[in-house]
């Protein structure tokens, strides 16, 4: 493996090259991108589940208007637009 990231695989998410470089501008590594996107996708999923339960106080709604219904795609769009900030625990 040459270390390049293609942005697609068995999950079926394919991003144009300019979108990938935009994503990597908002995080300090590919590893951070994966971790932050996965965590945010889980938060978005939990938000949608809490809507069905009638509670609205624990999770934030998606921070971008997305055409996608895929939570990981929504999370990546949030990262690409700079809406997600993260810090490393000390």
C-alpha atoms as a PDB file:
ATOM      1  CA  UNK A   1       0.000   0.000   0.000  1.00  0.00           C
ATOM      2  CA  UNK A   2       1.458   3.370  -0.977  1.00  0.00           C
ATOM      3  CA  UNK A   3      -0.264   5.421   1.733  1.00  0.00           C
ATOM      4  CA  UNK A   4      -2.626   7.210  -0.650  1.00  0.00           C
ATOM      5  CA  UNK A   5      -6.230   7.491   0.380  1.00  0.00           C
ATOM      6  CA  UNK A   6      -8.775   6.780  -2.307  1.00  0.00           C
ATOM      7  CA  UNK A   7     -11.845   7.630  -0.272  1.00  0.00           C
ATOM      8  CA  UNK A   8     -13.798   4.592  -1.363  1.00  0.00           C
ATOM      9  CA  UNK A   9     -13.987   0.942  -0.519  1.00  0.00           C
ATOM     10  CA  UNK A  10     -16.492  -1.550   0.730  1.00  0.00           C
ATOM     11  CA  UNK A  11     -18.537   1.195   2.424  1.00  0.00           C
ATOM     12  CA  UNK A  12     -19.419   2.681  -0.976  1.00  0.00           C
ATOM     13  CA  UNK A  13     -18.528   6.281  -0.146  1.00  0.00           C
ATOM     14  CA  UNK A  14     -16.713   7.948  -3.025  1.00  0.00           C
ATOM     15  CA  UNK A  15     -15.448  11.488  -2.798  1.00  0.00           C
ATOM     16  CA  UNK A  16     -14.006  13.607  -5.589  1.00  0.00           C
ATOM     17  CA  UNK A  17     -10.329  14.481  -5.154  1.00  0.00           C
ATOM     18  CA  UNK A  18     -11.031  18.138  -4.339  1.00  0.00           C
ATOM     19  CA  UNK A  19     -13.440  17.075  -1.557  1.00  0.00           C
ATOM     20  CA  UNK A  20     -10.806  14.784  -0.056  1.00  0.00           C
ATOM     21  CA  UNK A  21      -8.176  17.500   0.056  1.00  0.00           C
ATOM     22  CA  UNK A  22     -10.746  19.864   1.595  1.00  0.00           C
ATOM     23  CA  UNK A  23     -11.436  17.315   4.326  1.00  0.00           C
ATOM     24  CA  UNK A  24      -7.769  16.879   5.127  1.00  0.00           C
ATOM     25  CA  UNK A  25      -7.354  20.663   5.465  1.00  0.00           C
ATOM     26  CA  UNK A  26      -9.655  20.588   8.500  1.00  0.00           C
ATOM     27  CA  UNK A  27      -7.914  17.768  10.386  1.00  0.00           C
ATOM     28  CA  UNK A  28      -4.281  17.046  11.100  1.00  0.00           C
ATOM     29  CA  UNK A  29      -4.200  13.456   9.818  1.00  0.00           C
ATOM     30  CA  UNK A  30      -6.199  10.795   8.016  1.00  0.00           C
ATOM     31  CA  UNK A  31      -6.467   8.955  11.324  1.00  0.00           C
ATOM     32  CA  UNK A  32      -8.076  11.986  12.959  1.00  0.00           C
ATOM     33  CA  UNK A  33     -10.471  12.285  10.007  1.00  0.00           C
ATOM     34  CA  UNK A  34     -11.648   8.700  10.454  1.00  0.00           C
ATOM     35  CA  UNK A  35     -12.038   8.972  14.228  1.00  0.00           C
ATOM     36  CA  UNK A  36     -13.795  12.359  14.192  1.00  0.00           C
ATOM     37  CA  UNK A  37     -16.127  11.380  11.323  1.00  0.00           C
ATOM     38  CA  UNK A  38     -17.082   8.081  12.964  1.00  0.00           C
ATOM     39  CA  UNK A  39     -17.773   9.713  16.320  1.00  0.00           C
ATOM     40  CA  UNK A  40     -19.852  12.492  14.756  1.00  0.00           C
ATOM     41  CA  UNK A  41     -21.789   9.994  12.619  1.00  0.00           C
ATOM     42  CA  UNK A  42     -22.725   8.119  15.804  1.00  0.00           C
ATOM     43  CA  UNK A  43     -23.866  11.403  17.382  1.00  0.00           C
ATOM     44  CA  UNK A  44     -26.048  12.200  14.358  1.00  0.00           C
ATOM     45  CA  UNK A  45     -27.490   8.687  14.485  1.00  0.00           C
ATOM     46  CA  UNK A  46     -28.267   9.115  18.184  1.00  0.00           C
ATOM     47  CA  UNK A  47     -29.893  12.488  17.481  1.00  0.00           C
ATOM     48  CA  UNK A  48     -32.276  10.898  14.974  1.00  0.00           C
ATOM     49  CA  UNK A  49     -33.112   8.112  17.417  1.00  0.00           C
ATOM     50  CA  UNK A  50     -33.846  10.574  20.224  1.00  0.00           C
ATOM     51  CA  UNK A  51     -36.288  12.402  17.925  1.00  0.00           C
ATOM     52  CA  UNK A  52     -38.406   9.257  17.827  1.00  0.00           C
ATOM     53  CA  UNK A  53     -38.326   9.091  21.619  1.00  0.00           C
ATOM     54  CA  UNK A  54     -39.421  12.707  22.033  1.00  0.00           C
ATOM     55  CA  UNK A  55     -36.231  13.902  23.728  1.00  0.00           C
ATOM     56  CA  UNK A  56     -34.189  16.727  22.239  1.00  0.00           C
ATOM     57  CA  UNK A  57     -31.566  17.686  24.782  1.00  0.00           C
ATOM     58  CA  UNK A  58     -28.669  15.253  24.515  1.00  0.00           C
ATOM     59  CA  UNK A  59     -27.368  15.304  20.908  1.00  0.00           C
ATOM     60  CA  UNK A  60     -26.897  18.092  18.369  1.00  0.00           C
ATOM     61  CA  UNK A  61     -28.698  17.920  15.028  1.00  0.00           C
ATOM     62  CA  UNK A  62     -26.681  17.786  11.798  1.00  0.00           C
ATOM     63  CA  UNK A  63     -24.815  21.081  11.307  1.00  0.00           C
ATOM     64  CA  UNK A  64     -25.150  21.121   7.507  1.00  0.00           C
ATOM     65  CA  UNK A  65     -27.977  20.763   5.034  1.00  0.00           C
ATOM     66  CA  UNK A  66     -27.235  17.478   3.303  1.00  0.00           C
ATOM     67  CA  UNK A  67     -28.838  15.696   0.385  1.00  0.00           C
ATOM     68  CA  UNK A  68     -27.583  12.443   1.871  1.00  0.00           C
ATOM     69  CA  UNK A  69     -29.366  10.300   4.407  1.00  0.00           C
ATOM     70  CA  UNK A  70     -26.069   8.616   5.326  1.00  0.00           C
ATOM     71  CA  UNK A  71     -24.827   9.789   8.730  1.00  0.00           C
ATOM     72  CA  UNK A  72     -21.163   9.280   7.852  1.00  0.00           C
ATOM     73  CA  UNK A  73     -21.575  11.411   4.744  1.00  0.00           C
ATOM     74  CA  UNK A  74     -23.236  14.122   6.836  1.00  0.00           C
ATOM     75  CA  UNK A  75     -20.332  13.990   9.296  1.00  0.00           C
ATOM     76  CA  UNK A  76     -17.775  14.264   6.481  1.00  0.00           C
ATOM     77  CA  UNK A  77     -19.666  17.238   5.035  1.00  0.00           C
ATOM     78  CA  UNK A  78     -19.573  18.920   8.452  1.00  0.00           C
ATOM     79  CA  UNK A  79     -15.818  18.347   8.667  1.00  0.00           C
ATOM     80  CA  UNK A  80     -15.308  19.598   5.105  1.00  0.00           C
ATOM     81  CA  UNK A  81     -17.156  22.824   5.901  1.00  0.00           C
ATOM     82  CA  UNK A  82     -15.123  23.356   9.081  1.00  0.00           C
ATOM     83  CA  UNK A  83     -18.148  22.958  11.379  1.00  0.00           C
ATOM     84  CA  UNK A  84     -16.451  20.312  13.530  1.00  0.00           C
ATOM     85  CA  UNK A  85     -13.535  21.149  15.806  1.00  0.00           C
ATOM     86  CA  UNK A  86     -11.749  18.584  17.913  1.00  0.00           C
ATOM     87  CA  UNK A  87      -8.984  18.450  20.481  1.00  0.00           C
ATOM     88  CA  UNK A  88      -6.821  15.631  21.703  1.00  0.00           C
ATOM     89  CA  UNK A  89      -7.219  14.626  25.335  1.00  0.00           C
ATOM     90  CA  UNK A  90      -4.254  15.594  27.493  1.00  0.00           C
END
